[in-house]
Amino acid sequence: MADYTQLTPDLAVAPQLRPEDLADLARAGFRAVINNRPDGEAEDQPDHLTMERAAREAGLTYHYQPVVASEIDDQDARRFAELVDRQPGPVLAFCRTGNRCGKLWERARQLRE
């Protein structure tokens, strides 16, 4: 199964997932996946439509919110928080390393304070 880091009881972040990871994540209890990686960042990266299809086949809700790590803004963070908040949880967000997702969540938390 894919490695992930639990940020809250309802949110974990992970590096790039593969389509074959999603069924295991669903069995582990995740209910939704957020893909924060824009298509085409790497040649070996599955595109978001492939990931969406695999997520749905695994029974997961799927959201595609592509974000460039160096360009994260408040709107991106708010959108990410909305996606996490409206899911039944737990949610797994992924990008290349997991750091971009963590930064989105941290910024969203700061905006809420």
PDB file of N, CA and C in Angstrom:
ATOM      1  N   MET A   1       0.843  -1.179   0.000  1.00  0.00           N
ATOM      2  CA  MET A   1       0.000   0.000   0.000  1.00  0.00           C
ATOM      3  C   MET A   1       0.890   1.244   0.000  1.00  0.00           C
ATOM      4  N   ALA A   2       0.359   2.324  -0.528  1.00  0.00           N
ATOM      5  CA  ALA A   2       1.087   3.584  -0.613  1.00  0.00           C
ATOM      6  C   ALA A   2       1.390   4.129   0.780  1.00  0.00           C
ATOM      7  N   ASP A   3       2.547   4.769   0.906  1.00  0.00           N
ATOM      8  CA  ASP A   3       2.894   5.449   2.148  1.00  0.00           C
ATOM      9  C   ASP A   3       2.141   6.760   2.222  1.00  0.00           C
ATOM     10  N   TYR A   4       1.722   7.128   3.426  1.00  0.00           N
ATOM     11  CA  TYR A   4       1.052   8.411   3.615  1.00  0.00           C
ATOM     12  C   TYR A   4       1.348   8.927   5.013  1.00  0.00           C
ATOM     13  N   THR A   5       1.116  10.230   5.188  1.00  0.00           N
ATOM     14  CA  THR A   5       1.311  10.895   6.469  1.00  0.00           C
ATOM     15  C   THR A   5      -0.032  11.433   6.939  1.00  0.00           C
ATOM     16  N   GLN A   6      -0.430  11.052   8.135  1.00  0.00           N
ATOM     17  CA  GLN A   6      -1.698  11.496   8.697  1.00  0.00           C
ATOM     18  C   GLN A   6      -1.514  12.901   9.275  1.00  0.00           C
ATOM     19  N   LEU A   7      -2.271  13.895   8.765  1.00  0.00           N
ATOM     20  CA  LEU A   7      -2.205  15.264   9.271  1.00  0.00           C
ATOM     21  C   LEU A   7      -3.267  15.519  10.336  1.00  0.00           C
ATOM     22  N   THR A   8      -4.447  14.968  10.135  1.00  0.00           N
ATOM     23  CA  THR A   8      -5.555  15.073  11.082  1.00  0.00           C
ATOM     24  C   THR A   8      -6.267  13.721  11.041  1.00  0.00           C
ATOM     25  N   PRO A   9      -7.221  13.504  11.932  1.00  0.00           N
ATOM     26  CA  PRO A   9      -7.955  12.235  11.853  1.00  0.00           C
ATOM     27  C   PRO A   9      -8.664  12.037  10.506  1.00  0.00           C
ATOM     28  N   ASP A  10      -8.998  13.141   9.820  1.00  0.00           N
ATOM     29  CA  ASP A  10      -9.728  13.037   8.560  1.00  0.00           C
ATOM     30  C   ASP A  10      -8.919  13.384   7.319  1.00  0.00           C
ATOM     31  N   LEU A  11      -7.621  13.659   7.461  1.00  0.00           N
ATOM     32  CA  LEU A  11      -6.810  14.033   6.302  1.00  0.00           C
ATOM     33  C   LEU A  11      -5.415  13.444   6.394  1.00  0.00           C
ATOM     34  N   ALA A  12      -5.015  12.804   5.296  1.00  0.00           N
ATOM     35  CA  ALA A  12      -3.645  12.306   5.139  1.00  0.00           C
ATOM     36  C   ALA A  12      -3.133  12.800   3.799  1.00  0.00           C
ATOM     37  N   VAL A  13      -1.799  12.882   3.683  1.00  0.00           N
ATOM     38  CA  VAL A  13      -1.172  13.286   2.420  1.00  0.00           C
ATOM     39  C   VAL A  13      -0.176  12.214   2.000  1.00  0.00           C
ATOM     40  N   ALA A  14       0.029  12.123   0.687  1.00  0.00           N
ATOM     41  CA  ALA A  14       0.889  11.068   0.154  1.00  0.00           C
ATOM     42  C   ALA A  14       1.632  11.571  -1.072  1.00  0.00           C
ATOM     43  N   PRO A  15       2.764  10.923  -1.376  1.00  0.00           N
ATOM     44  CA  PRO A  15       3.401  11.184  -2.666  1.00  0.00           C
ATOM     45  C   PRO A  15       2.582  10.540  -3.784  1.00  0.00           C
ATOM     46  N   GLN A  16       3.038  10.722  -4.999  1.00  0.00           N
ATOM     47  CA  GLN A  16       2.322  10.245  -6.184  1.00  0.00           C
ATOM     48  C   GLN A  16       1.765   8.840  -5.991  1.00  0.00           C
ATOM     49  N   LEU A  17       0.488   8.704  -6.217  1.00  0.00           N
ATOM     50  CA  LEU A  17      -0.173   7.402  -6.173  1.00  0.00           C
ATOM     51  C   LEU A  17      -0.217   6.808  -7.569  1.00  0.00           C
ATOM     52  N   ARG A  18      -0.391   5.521  -7.627  1.00  0.00           N
ATOM     53  CA  ARG A  18      -0.590   4.790  -8.877  1.00  0.00           C
ATOM     54  C   ARG A  18      -2.029   4.280  -8.868  1.00  0.00           C
ATOM     55  N   PRO A  19      -2.610   4.027 -10.015  1.00  0.00           N
ATOM     56  CA  PRO A  19      -3.986   3.514 -10.048  1.00  0.00           C
ATOM     57  C   PRO A  19      -4.177   2.270  -9.178  1.00  0.00           C
ATOM     58  N   GLU A  20      -3.187   1.406  -9.154  1.00  0.00           N
ATOM     59  CA  GLU A  20      -3.304   0.166  -8.386  1.00  0.00           C
ATOM     60  C   GLU A  20      -3.272   0.389  -6.864  1.00  0.00           C
ATOM     61  N   ASP A  21      -2.885   1.575  -6.400  1.00  0.00           N
ATOM     62  CA  ASP A  21      -2.887   1.889  -4.961  1.00  0.00           C
ATOM     63  C   ASP A  21      -4.288   2.156  -4.414  1.00  0.00           C
ATOM     64  N   LEU A  22      -5.195   2.560  -5.263  1.00  0.00           N
ATOM     65  CA  LEU A  22      -6.462   3.104  -4.789  1.00  0.00           C
ATOM     66  C   LEU A  22      -7.381   2.072  -4.135  1.00  0.00           C
ATOM     67  N   ALA A  23      -7.411   0.880  -4.631  1.00  0.00           N
ATOM     68  CA  ALA A  23      -8.247  -0.151  -3.998  1.00  0.00           C
ATOM     69  C   ALA A  23      -7.752  -0.441  -2.579  1.00  0.00           C
ATOM     70  N   ASP A  24      -6.432  -0.504  -2.385  1.00  0.00           N
ATOM     71  CA  ASP A  24      -5.878  -0.725  -1.046  1.00  0.00           C
ATOM     72  C   ASP A  24      -6.227   0.425  -0.105  1.00  0.00           C
ATOM     73  N   LEU A  25      -6.180   1.648  -0.615  1.00  0.00           N
ATOM     74  CA  LEU A  25      -6.515   2.807   0.214  1.00  0.00           C
ATOM     75  C   LEU A  25      -7.991   2.787   0.612  1.00  0.00           C
ATOM     76  N   ALA A  26      -8.845   2.366  -0.307  1.00  0.00           N
ATOM     77  CA  ALA A  26     -10.268   2.244   0.022  1.00  0.00           C
ATOM     78  C   ALA A  26     -10.467   1.182   1.104  1.00  0.00           C
ATOM     79  N   ARG A  27      -9.766   0.074   0.987  1.00  0.00           N
ATOM     80  CA  ARG A  27      -9.862  -0.984   2.007  1.00  0.00           C
ATOM     81  C   ARG A  27      -9.317  -0.510   3.352  1.00  0.00           C
ATOM     82  N   ALA A  28      -8.366   0.434   3.311  1.00  0.00           N
ATOM     83  CA  ALA A  28      -7.797   0.983   4.553  1.00  0.00           C
ATOM     84  C   ALA A  28      -8.737   2.002   5.207  1.00  0.00           C
ATOM     85  N   GLY A  29      -9.845   2.334   4.529  1.00  0.00           N
ATOM     86  CA  GLY A  29     -10.830   3.207   5.132  1.00  0.00           C
ATOM     87  C   GLY A  29     -10.958   4.592   4.535  1.00  0.00           C
ATOM     88  N   PHE A  30     -10.104   4.930   3.585  1.00  0.00           N
ATOM     89  CA  PHE A  30     -10.243   6.239   2.950  1.00  0.00           C
ATOM     90  C   PHE A  30     -11.519   6.264   2.131  1.00  0.00           C
ATOM     91  N   ARG A  31     -12.137   7.439   2.069  1.00  0.00           N
ATOM     92  CA  ARG A  31     -13.395   7.583   1.340  1.00  0.00           C
ATOM     93  C   ARG A  31     -13.259   8.486   0.125  1.00  0.00           C
ATOM     94  N   ALA A  32     -12.213   9.344   0.125  1.00  0.00           N
ATOM     95  CA  ALA A  32     -12.042  10.306  -0.972  1.00  0.00           C
ATOM     96  C   ALA A  32     -10.559  10.550  -1.216  1.00  0.00           C
ATOM     97  N   VAL A  33     -10.267  10.946  -2.458  1.00  0.00           N
ATOM     98  CA  VAL A  33      -8.905  11.266  -2.881  1.00  0.00           C
ATOM     99  C   VAL A  33      -8.924  12.639  -3.550  1.00  0.00           C
ATOM    100  N   ILE A  34      -7.905  13.451  -3.224  1.00  0.00           N
ATOM    101  CA  ILE A  34      -7.718  14.739  -3.892  1.00  0.00           C
ATOM    102  C   ILE A  34      -6.370  14.698  -4.582  1.00  0.00           C
ATOM    103  N   ASN A  35      -6.378  14.925  -5.882  1.00  0.00           N
ATOM    104  CA  ASN A  35      -5.153  14.954  -6.680  1.00  0.00           C
ATOM    105  C   ASN A  35      -4.758  16.421  -6.870  1.00  0.00           C
ATOM    106  N   ASN A  36      -3.642  16.832  -6.253  1.00  0.00           N
ATOM    107  CA  ASN A  36      -3.160  18.208  -6.370  1.00  0.00           C
ATOM    108  C   ASN A  36      -2.034  18.350  -7.378  1.00  0.00           C
ATOM    109  N   ARG A  37      -1.756  17.321  -8.135  1.00  0.00           N
ATOM    110  CA  ARG A  37      -0.643  17.361  -9.080  1.00  0.00           C
ATOM    111  C   ARG A  37      -1.146  17.608 -10.499  1.00  0.00           C
ATOM    112  N   PRO A  38      -0.694  18.713 -11.124  1.00  0.00           N
ATOM    113  CA  PRO A  38      -1.094  18.947 -12.511  1.00  0.00           C
ATOM    114  C   PRO A  38      -0.593  17.822 -13.423  1.00  0.00           C
ATOM    115  N   ASP A  39      -1.396  17.480 -14.411  1.00  0.00           N
ATOM    116  CA  ASP A  39      -0.965  16.493 -15.401  1.00  0.00           C
ATOM    117  C   ASP A  39       0.317  16.968 -16.068  1.00  0.00           C
ATOM    118  N   GLY A  40       1.178  16.007 -16.410  1.00  0.00           N
ATOM    119  CA  GLY A  40       2.368  16.303 -17.205  1.00  0.00           C
ATOM    120  C   GLY A  40       3.573  16.796 -16.436  1.00  0.00           C
ATOM    121  N   GLU A  41       3.572  16.748 -15.125  1.00  0.00           N
ATOM    122  CA  GLU A  41       4.767  17.165 -14.378  1.00  0.00           C
ATOM    123  C   GLU A  41       5.917  16.187 -14.592  1.00  0.00           C
ATOM    124  N   ALA A  42       5.585  14.926 -14.822  1.00  0.00           N
ATOM    125  CA  ALA A  42       6.601  13.902 -15.075  1.00  0.00           C
ATOM    126  C   ALA A  42       6.053  12.932 -16.109  1.00  0.00           C
ATOM    127  N   GLU A  43       6.948  12.368 -16.897  1.00  0.00           N
ATOM    128  CA  GLU A  43       6.516  11.462 -17.965  1.00  0.00           C
ATOM    129  C   GLU A  43       5.862  10.189 -17.436  1.00  0.00           C
ATOM    130  N   ASP A  44       6.299   9.719 -16.268  1.00  0.00           N
ATOM    131  CA  ASP A  44       5.776   8.455 -15.742  1.00  0.00           C
ATOM    132  C   ASP A  44       4.550   8.640 -14.846  1.00  0.00           C
ATOM    133  N   GLN A  45       4.051   9.846 -14.763  1.00  0.00           N
ATOM    134  CA  GLN A  45       2.916  10.168 -13.903  1.00  0.00           C
ATOM    135  C   GLN A  45       1.604   9.810 -14.602  1.00  0.00           C
ATOM    136  N   PRO A  46       0.724   9.051 -13.925  1.00  0.00           N
ATOM    137  CA  PRO A  46      -0.587   8.783 -14.529  1.00  0.00           C
ATOM    138  C   PRO A  46      -1.411  10.069 -14.606  1.00  0.00           C
ATOM    139  N   ASP A  47      -2.145  10.255 -15.690  1.00  0.00           N
ATOM    140  CA  ASP A  47      -2.940  11.480 -15.812  1.00  0.00           C
ATOM    141  C   ASP A  47      -4.153  11.413 -14.882  1.00  0.00           C
ATOM    142  N   HIS A  48      -4.781  12.562 -14.675  1.00  0.00           N
ATOM    143  CA  HIS A  48      -5.857  12.628 -13.682  1.00  0.00           C
ATOM    144  C   HIS A  48      -7.086  11.815 -14.103  1.00  0.00           C
ATOM    145  N   LEU A  49      -7.320  11.653 -15.391  1.00  0.00           N
ATOM    146  CA  LEU A  49      -8.476  10.851 -15.816  1.00  0.00           C
ATOM    147  C   LEU A  49      -8.276   9.369 -15.491  1.00  0.00           C
ATOM    148  N   THR A  50      -7.050   8.892 -15.642  1.00  0.00           N
ATOM    149  CA  THR A  50      -6.725   7.509 -15.268  1.00  0.00           C
ATOM    150  C   THR A  50      -6.906   7.316 -13.770  1.00  0.00           C
ATOM    151  N   MET A  51      -6.438   8.296 -12.994  1.00  0.00           N
ATOM    152  CA  MET A  51      -6.566   8.221 -11.539  1.00  0.00           C
ATOM    153  C   MET A  51      -8.032   8.307 -11.119  1.00  0.00           C
ATOM    154  N   GLU A  52      -8.789   9.157 -11.781  1.00  0.00           N
ATOM    155  CA  GLU A  52     -10.212   9.284 -11.455  1.00  0.00           C
ATOM    156  C   GLU A  52     -10.957   7.967 -11.709  1.00  0.00           C
ATOM    157  N   ARG A  53     -10.675   7.363 -12.836  1.00  0.00           N
ATOM    158  CA  ARG A  53     -11.320   6.088 -13.185  1.00  0.00           C
ATOM    159  C   ARG A  53     -10.987   5.012 -12.137  1.00  0.00           C
ATOM    160  N   ALA A  54      -9.708   4.928 -11.760  1.00  0.00           N
ATOM    161  CA  ALA A  54      -9.292   3.933 -10.770  1.00  0.00           C
ATOM    162  C   ALA A  54      -9.918   4.215  -9.398  1.00  0.00           C
ATOM    163  N   ALA A  55     -10.022   5.487  -9.038  1.00  0.00           N
ATOM    164  CA  ALA A  55     -10.633   5.855  -7.754  1.00  0.00           C
ATOM    165  C   ALA A  55     -12.096   5.442  -7.730  1.00  0.00           C
ATOM    166  N   ARG A  56     -12.804   5.754  -8.782  1.00  0.00           N
ATOM    167  CA  ARG A  56     -14.236   5.415  -8.832  1.00  0.00           C
ATOM    168  C   ARG A  56     -14.442   3.898  -8.821  1.00  0.00           C
ATOM    169  N   GLU A  57     -13.575   3.176  -9.527  1.00  0.00           N
ATOM    170  CA  GLU A  57     -13.657   1.707  -9.517  1.00  0.00           C
ATOM    171  C   GLU A  57     -13.424   1.142  -8.114  1.00  0.00           C
ATOM    172  N   ALA A  58     -12.611   1.856  -7.322  1.00  0.00           N
ATOM    173  CA  ALA A  58     -12.321   1.429  -5.951  1.00  0.00           C
ATOM    174  C   ALA A  58     -13.383   1.917  -4.962  1.00  0.00           C
ATOM    175  N   GLY A  59     -14.360   2.684  -5.451  1.00  0.00           N
ATOM    176  CA  GLY A  59     -15.409   3.195  -4.587  1.00  0.00           C
ATOM    177  C   GLY A  59     -15.060   4.492  -3.874  1.00  0.00           C
ATOM    178  N   LEU A  60     -14.044   5.185  -4.362  1.00  0.00           N
ATOM    179  CA  LEU A  60     -13.610   6.441  -3.757  1.00  0.00           C
ATOM    180  C   LEU A  60     -14.170   7.643  -4.513  1.00  0.00           C
ATOM    181  N   THR A  61     -14.469   8.704  -3.787  1.00  0.00           N
ATOM    182  CA  THR A  61     -14.776   9.990  -4.410  1.00  0.00           C
ATOM    183  C   THR A  61     -13.448  10.589  -4.838  1.00  0.00           C
ATOM    184  N   TYR A  62     -13.431  11.237  -5.999  1.00  0.00           N
ATOM    185  CA  TYR A  62     -12.180  11.765  -6.551  1.00  0.00           C
ATOM    186  C   TYR A  62     -12.348  13.233  -6.910  1.00  0.00           C
ATOM    187  N   HIS A  63     -11.344  14.034  -6.548  1.00  0.00           N
ATOM    188  CA  HIS A  63     -11.311  15.444  -6.914  1.00  0.00           C
ATOM    189  C   HIS A  63      -9.953  15.768  -7.515  1.00  0.00           C
ATOM    190  N   TYR A  64      -9.979  16.533  -8.589  1.00  0.00           N
ATOM    191  CA  TYR A  64      -8.750  16.986  -9.246  1.00  0.00           C
ATOM    192  C   TYR A  64      -8.625  18.483  -9.019  1.00  0.00           C
ATOM    193  N   GLN A  65      -7.641  18.879  -8.213  1.00  0.00           N
ATOM    194  CA  GLN A  65      -7.354  20.276  -7.932  1.00  0.00           C
ATOM    195  C   GLN A  65      -5.869  20.506  -8.208  1.00  0.00           C
ATOM    196  N   PRO A  66      -5.500  20.677  -9.479  1.00  0.00           N
ATOM    197  CA  PRO A  66      -4.083  20.851  -9.797  1.00  0.00           C
ATOM    198  C   PRO A  66      -3.560  22.188  -9.270  1.00  0.00           C
ATOM    199  N   VAL A  67      -2.417  22.123  -8.593  1.00  0.00           N
ATOM    200  CA  VAL A  67      -1.801  23.307  -8.008  1.00  0.00           C
ATOM    201  C   VAL A  67      -0.299  23.245  -8.258  1.00  0.00           C
ATOM    202  N   VAL A  68       0.264  24.357  -8.712  1.00  0.00           N
ATOM    203  CA  VAL A  68       1.719  24.469  -8.868  1.00  0.00           C
ATOM    204  C   VAL A  68       2.281  24.886  -7.512  1.00  0.00           C
ATOM    205  N   ALA A  69       3.212  24.121  -6.985  1.00  0.00           N
ATOM    206  CA  ALA A  69       3.693  24.320  -5.614  1.00  0.00           C
ATOM    207  C   ALA A  69       4.182  25.745  -5.353  1.00  0.00           C
ATOM    208  N   SER A  70       4.878  26.330  -6.288  1.00  0.00           N
ATOM    209  CA  SER A  70       5.441  27.673  -6.082  1.00  0.00           C
ATOM    210  C   SER A  70       4.407  28.781  -6.248  1.00  0.00           C
ATOM    211  N   GLU A  71       3.192  28.425  -6.628  1.00  0.00           N
ATOM    212  CA  GLU A  71       2.157  29.428  -6.885  1.00  0.00           C
ATOM    213  C   GLU A  71       0.915  29.255  -6.009  1.00  0.00           C
ATOM    214  N   ILE A  72       1.032  28.526  -4.906  1.00  0.00           N
ATOM    215  CA  ILE A  72      -0.108  28.319  -4.015  1.00  0.00           C
ATOM    216  C   ILE A  72      -0.562  29.665  -3.459  1.00  0.00           C
ATOM    217  N   ASP A  73      -1.865  29.933  -3.569  1.00  0.00           N
ATOM    218  CA  ASP A  73      -2.399  31.180  -3.030  1.00  0.00           C
ATOM    219  C   ASP A  73      -3.571  30.873  -2.099  1.00  0.00           C
ATOM    220  N   ASP A  74      -4.155  31.926  -1.531  1.00  0.00           N
ATOM    221  CA  ASP A  74      -5.255  31.745  -0.578  1.00  0.00           C
ATOM    222  C   ASP A  74      -6.445  31.041  -1.214  1.00  0.00           C
ATOM    223  N   GLN A  75      -6.728  31.350  -2.461  1.00  0.00           N
ATOM    224  CA  GLN A  75      -7.851  30.705  -3.139  1.00  0.00           C
ATOM    225  C   GLN A  75      -7.629  29.199  -3.249  1.00  0.00           C
ATOM    226  N   ASP A  76      -6.410  28.787  -3.577  1.00  0.00           N
ATOM    227  CA  ASP A  76      -6.090  27.354  -3.643  1.00  0.00           C
ATOM    228  C   ASP A  76      -6.312  26.698  -2.280  1.00  0.00           C
ATOM    229  N   ALA A  77      -5.847  27.364  -1.229  1.00  0.00           N
ATOM    230  CA  ALA A  77      -5.968  26.809   0.123  1.00  0.00           C
ATOM    231  C   ALA A  77      -7.422  26.708   0.545  1.00  0.00           C
ATOM    232  N   ARG A  78      -8.199  27.727   0.240  1.00  0.00           N
ATOM    233  CA  ARG A  78      -9.629  27.686   0.590  1.00  0.00           C
ATOM    234  C   ARG A  78     -10.341  26.559  -0.151  1.00  0.00           C
ATOM    235  N   ARG A  79     -10.056  26.408  -1.416  1.00  0.00           N
ATOM    236  CA  ARG A  79     -10.674  25.347  -2.224  1.00  0.00           C
ATOM    237  C   ARG A  79     -10.301  23.969  -1.667  1.00  0.00           C
ATOM    238  N   PHE A  80      -9.038  23.804  -1.317  1.00  0.00           N
ATOM    239  CA  PHE A  80      -8.580  22.539  -0.745  1.00  0.00           C
ATOM    240  C   PHE A  80      -9.341  22.239   0.546  1.00  0.00           C
ATOM    241  N   ALA A  81      -9.445  23.239   1.422  1.00  0.00           N
ATOM    242  CA  ALA A  81     -10.163  23.057   2.691  1.00  0.00           C
ATOM    243  C   ALA A  81     -11.629  22.706   2.442  1.00  0.00           C
ATOM    244  N   GLU A  82     -12.246  23.343   1.458  1.00  0.00           N
ATOM    245  CA  GLU A  82     -13.639  23.030   1.126  1.00  0.00           C
ATOM    246  C   GLU A  82     -13.782  21.582   0.678  1.00  0.00           C
ATOM    247  N   LEU A  83     -12.846  21.123  -0.149  1.00  0.00           N
ATOM    248  CA  LEU A  83     -12.905  19.736  -0.610  1.00  0.00           C
ATOM    249  C   LEU A  83     -12.765  18.773   0.555  1.00  0.00           C
ATOM    250  N   VAL A  84     -11.834  19.052   1.449  1.00  0.00           N
ATOM    251  CA  VAL A  84     -11.639  18.181   2.614  1.00  0.00           C
ATOM    252  C   VAL A  84     -12.867  18.216   3.511  1.00  0.00           C
ATOM    253  N   ASP A  85     -13.367  19.411   3.776  1.00  0.00           N
ATOM    254  CA  ASP A  85     -14.483  19.566   4.723  1.00  0.00           C
ATOM    255  C   ASP A  85     -15.785  18.933   4.245  1.00  0.00           C
ATOM    256  N   ARG A  86     -16.014  18.908   2.955  1.00  0.00           N
ATOM    257  CA  ARG A  86     -17.308  18.405   2.487  1.00  0.00           C
ATOM    258  C   ARG A  86     -17.313  16.902   2.230  1.00  0.00           C
ATOM    259  N   GLN A  87     -16.194  16.243   2.449  1.00  0.00           N
ATOM    260  CA  GLN A  87     -16.117  14.800   2.262  1.00  0.00           C
ATOM    261  C   GLN A  87     -16.483  14.093   3.563  1.00  0.00           C
ATOM    262  N   PRO A  88     -17.015  12.882   3.459  1.00  0.00           N
ATOM    263  CA  PRO A  88     -17.327  12.143   4.676  1.00  0.00           C
ATOM    264  C   PRO A  88     -16.072  11.706   5.425  1.00  0.00           C
ATOM    265  N   GLY A  89     -14.914  11.749   4.777  1.00  0.00           N
ATOM    266  CA  GLY A  89     -13.634  11.424   5.397  1.00  0.00           C
ATOM    267  C   GLY A  89     -13.511   9.942   5.725  1.00  0.00           C
ATOM    268  N   PRO A  90     -12.313   9.505   5.928  1.00  0.00           N
ATOM    269  CA  PRO A  90     -11.083  10.256   5.768  1.00  0.00           C
ATOM    270  C   PRO A  90     -10.706  10.472   4.301  1.00  0.00           C
ATOM    271  N   VAL A  91      -9.932  11.539   4.090  1.00  0.00           N
ATOM    272  CA  VAL A  91      -9.516  11.976   2.756  1.00  0.00           C
ATOM    273  C   VAL A  91      -8.006  11.793   2.635  1.00  0.00           C
ATOM    274  N   LEU A  92      -7.564  11.357   1.463  1.00  0.00           N
ATOM    275  CA  LEU A  92      -6.138  11.282   1.161  1.00  0.00           C
ATOM    276  C   LEU A  92      -5.859  12.225   0.002  1.00  0.00           C
ATOM    277  N   ALA A  93      -4.973  13.193   0.210  1.00  0.00           N
ATOM    278  CA  ALA A  93      -4.556  14.112  -0.848  1.00  0.00           C
ATOM    279  C   ALA A  93      -3.156  13.709  -1.295  1.00  0.00           C
ATOM    280  N   PHE A  94      -2.906  13.824  -2.600  1.00  0.00           N
ATOM    281  CA  PHE A  94      -1.573  13.467  -3.078  1.00  0.00           C
ATOM    282  C   PHE A  94      -1.069  14.445  -4.127  1.00  0.00           C
ATOM    283  N   CYS A  95       0.266  14.475  -4.235  1.00  0.00           N
ATOM    284  CA  CYS A  95       0.976  15.258  -5.245  1.00  0.00           C
ATOM    285  C   CYS A  95       2.293  14.516  -5.506  1.00  0.00           C
ATOM    286  N   ARG A  96       3.324  15.189  -5.952  1.00  0.00           N
ATOM    287  CA  ARG A  96       4.575  14.480  -6.248  1.00  0.00           C
ATOM    288  C   ARG A  96       5.194  13.890  -4.989  1.00  0.00           C
ATOM    289  N   THR A  97       5.300  14.696  -3.918  1.00  0.00           N
ATOM    290  CA  THR A  97       5.948  14.235  -2.690  1.00  0.00           C
ATOM    291  C   THR A  97       5.022  14.239  -1.472  1.00  0.00           C
ATOM    292  N   GLY A  98       3.877  14.901  -1.582  1.00  0.00           N
ATOM    293  CA  GLY A  98       2.992  15.089  -0.444  1.00  0.00           C
ATOM    294  C   GLY A  98       3.148  16.459   0.202  1.00  0.00           C
ATOM    295  N   ASN A  99       4.265  17.127  -0.071  1.00  0.00           N
ATOM    296  CA  ASN A  99       4.532  18.433   0.544  1.00  0.00           C
ATOM    297  C   ASN A  99       3.556  19.511   0.087  1.00  0.00           C
ATOM    298  N   ARG A 100       3.230  19.526  -1.184  1.00  0.00           N
ATOM    299  CA  ARG A 100       2.299  20.534  -1.724  1.00  0.00           C
ATOM    300  C   ARG A 100       0.942  20.439  -1.018  1.00  0.00           C
ATOM    301  N   CYS A 101       0.478  19.223  -0.806  1.00  0.00           N
ATOM    302  CA  CYS A 101      -0.798  19.021  -0.106  1.00  0.00           C
ATOM    303  C   CYS A 101      -0.701  19.508   1.337  1.00  0.00           C
ATOM    304  N   GLY A 102       0.414  19.212   1.974  1.00  0.00           N
ATOM    305  CA  GLY A 102       0.623  19.681   3.335  1.00  0.00           C
ATOM    306  C   GLY A 102       0.655  21.192   3.422  1.00  0.00           C
ATOM    307  N   LYS A 103       1.268  21.832   2.440  1.00  0.00           N
ATOM    308  CA  LYS A 103       1.310  23.295   2.411  1.00  0.00           C
ATOM    309  C   LYS A 103      -0.081  23.883   2.186  1.00  0.00           C
ATOM    310  N   LEU A 104      -0.862  23.257   1.341  1.00  0.00           N
ATOM    311  CA  LEU A 104      -2.239  23.711   1.138  1.00  0.00           C
ATOM    312  C   LEU A 104      -3.025  23.651   2.445  1.00  0.00           C
ATOM    313  N   TRP A 105      -2.885  22.549   3.174  1.00  0.00           N
ATOM    314  CA  TRP A 105      -3.615  22.395   4.424  1.00  0.00           C
ATOM    315  C   TRP A 105      -3.135  23.399   5.471  1.00  0.00           C
ATOM    316  N   GLU A 106      -1.836  23.584   5.565  1.00  0.00           N
ATOM    317  CA  GLU A 106      -1.299  24.537   6.534  1.00  0.00           C
ATOM    318  C   GLU A 106      -1.789  25.952   6.235  1.00  0.00           C
ATOM    319  N   ARG A 107      -1.766  26.320   4.988  1.00  0.00           N
ATOM    320  CA  ARG A 107      -2.255  27.660   4.626  1.00  0.00           C
ATOM    321  C   ARG A 107      -3.743  27.799   4.908  1.00  0.00           C
ATOM    322  N   ALA A 108      -4.496  26.757   4.638  1.00  0.00           N
ATOM    323  CA  ALA A 108      -5.936  26.789   4.935  1.00  0.00           C
ATOM    324  C   ALA A 108      -6.169  26.960   6.436  1.00  0.00           C
ATOM    325  N   ARG A 109      -5.381  26.284   7.240  1.00  0.00           N
ATOM    326  CA  ARG A 109      -5.512  26.426   8.703  1.00  0.00           C
ATOM    327  C   ARG A 109      -5.196  27.860   9.138  1.00  0.00           C
ATOM    328  N   GLN A 110      -4.165  28.446   8.549  1.00  0.00           N
ATOM    329  CA  GLN A 110      -3.804  29.819   8.892  1.00  0.00           C
ATOM    330  C   GLN A 110      -4.916  30.790   8.511  1.00  0.00           C
ATOM    331  N   LEU A 111      -5.569  30.562   7.396  1.00  0.00           N
ATOM    332  CA  LEU A 111      -6.650  31.432   6.968  1.00  0.00           C
ATOM    333  C   LEU A 111      -7.864  31.347   7.897  1.00  0.00           C
ATOM    334  N   ARG A 112      -8.025  30.211   8.547  1.00  0.00           N
ATOM    335  CA  ARG A 112      -9.159  30.005   9.455  1.00  0.00           C
ATOM    336  C   ARG A 112      -8.944  30.658  10.814  1.00  0.00           C
ATOM    337  N   GLU A 113      -7.708  30.944  11.156  1.00  0.00           N
ATOM    338  CA  GLU A 113      -7.401  31.495  12.486  1.00  0.00           C
ATOM    339  C   GLU A 113      -7.744  32.970  12.572  1.00  0.00           C
TER     340      GLU A 113
END
